[in-house]
Amino acid sequence: MTIQRTFTIILEPAEEGGFIVTVPALPEVGTCGDTKAEALAVAREAIELAVEHGQASVSESPSRIARIANVAVTTPLAMFVARERNRT
């Protein structure tokens, strides 16, 4: 069984071209891509890896606003439940 969570991401145009991606709820996740589509795909992978490996410290305080998009990731439900139990 899996659970789907949606994360808000911020896409900012990079000076040298492409996009820089940050995830306000996961401050340790940051990435980039040459195109918007590539940046979104790489962001999804980075979020999935952070959540799957328990490295994500979810925080709900968005920093700055640029272009905002939502990225949904699917993770095993058992892992999510275990992480939530460890947070309390």
Protein backbone atom coordinates (compact mmCIF):
# COMPACT_ATOMS: atom_id res chain seq x y z
CA MET A 1 0.00 0.00 0.00
CA THR A 2 1.24 3.51 -0.78
CA ILE A 3 0.36 7.05 0.20
CA GLN A 4 0.48 10.07 -2.07
CA ARG A 5 1.63 13.41 -0.71
CA THR A 6 1.83 16.69 -2.57
CA PHE A 7 4.74 19.06 -2.02
CA THR A 8 4.86 22.68 -3.11
CA ILE A 9 8.01 23.49 -5.03
CA ILE A 10 9.44 26.83 -6.12
CA LEU A 11 10.84 27.15 -9.64
CA GLU A 12 13.12 30.12 -10.14
CA PRO A 13 14.77 31.01 -13.44
CA ALA A 14 18.55 30.56 -13.15
CA GLU A 15 20.79 33.37 -14.38
CA GLU A 16 22.63 30.96 -16.70
CA GLY A 17 19.37 29.47 -18.00
CA GLY A 18 17.18 26.67 -16.78
CA PHE A 19 15.44 26.55 -13.42
CA ILE A 20 16.47 26.22 -9.78
CA VAL A 21 14.06 24.21 -7.65
CA THR A 22 13.55 24.44 -3.89
CA VAL A 23 11.03 22.64 -1.70
CA PRO A 24 9.92 24.79 1.27
CA ALA A 25 8.66 21.78 3.26
CA LEU A 26 11.94 19.92 2.67
CA PRO A 27 14.72 22.50 3.07
CA GLU A 28 17.44 19.93 2.36
CA VAL A 29 16.02 19.25 -1.12
CA GLY A 30 17.25 21.54 -3.87
CA THR A 31 17.91 20.78 -7.52
CA CYS A 32 17.77 22.25 -11.01
CA GLY A 33 16.98 21.48 -14.64
CA ASP A 34 17.57 22.93 -18.08
CA THR A 35 13.82 23.07 -18.79
CA LYS A 36 10.75 23.38 -16.59
CA ALA A 37 9.80 19.75 -17.37
CA GLU A 38 13.28 18.49 -16.50
CA ALA A 39 13.37 20.56 -13.29
CA LEU A 40 9.99 19.11 -12.21
CA ALA A 41 11.09 15.54 -12.99
CA VAL A 42 14.36 15.91 -11.10
CA ALA A 43 12.54 17.56 -8.18
CA ARG A 44 10.10 14.65 -7.99
CA GLU A 45 13.01 12.18 -7.84
CA ALA A 46 14.83 14.22 -5.18
CA ILE A 47 11.69 14.43 -3.02
CA GLU A 48 11.03 10.69 -3.38
CA LEU A 49 14.61 9.85 -2.39
CA ALA A 50 14.57 12.18 0.62
CA VAL A 51 11.26 10.76 1.86
CA GLU A 52 12.15 7.11 1.15
CA HIS A 53 15.48 7.33 2.92
CA GLY A 54 14.08 9.16 5.93
CA GLN A 55 16.27 12.18 5.31
CA ALA A 56 13.37 14.57 4.95
CA SER A 57 12.63 16.88 7.85
CA VAL A 58 9.24 18.18 6.73
CA SER A 59 8.63 21.82 7.59
CA GLU A 60 5.68 23.88 6.43
CA SER A 61 7.20 27.37 6.17
CA PRO A 62 7.55 28.59 2.58
CA SER A 63 10.39 31.02 2.09
CA ARG A 64 10.29 33.15 -1.06
CA ILE A 65 7.78 33.14 -3.87
CA ALA A 66 8.65 32.72 -7.53
CA ARG A 67 6.87 30.24 -9.79
CA ILE A 68 5.15 27.67 -7.64
CA ALA A 69 4.09 24.20 -8.70
CA ASN A 70 2.94 21.11 -6.85
CA VAL A 71 4.66 17.75 -7.20
CA ALA A 72 2.97 14.55 -6.00
CA VAL A 73 5.09 11.61 -4.86
CA THR A 74 3.96 8.12 -3.92
CA THR A 75 5.67 6.28 -1.07
CA PRO A 76 4.92 3.07 0.84
CA LEU A 77 2.24 3.68 3.49
CA ALA A 78 4.07 1.62 6.11
CA MET A 79 7.13 3.87 5.81
CA PHE A 80 4.98 7.01 6.19
CA VAL A 81 3.21 5.63 9.28
CA ALA A 82 6.54 4.63 10.86
CA ARG A 83 7.99 8.11 10.22
CA GLU A 84 4.95 9.82 11.73
CA ARG A 85 5.19 7.63 14.85
CA ASN A 86 8.85 8.58 15.24
CA ARG A 87 7.99 12.28 15.05
CA THR A 88 5.73 12.14 18.10
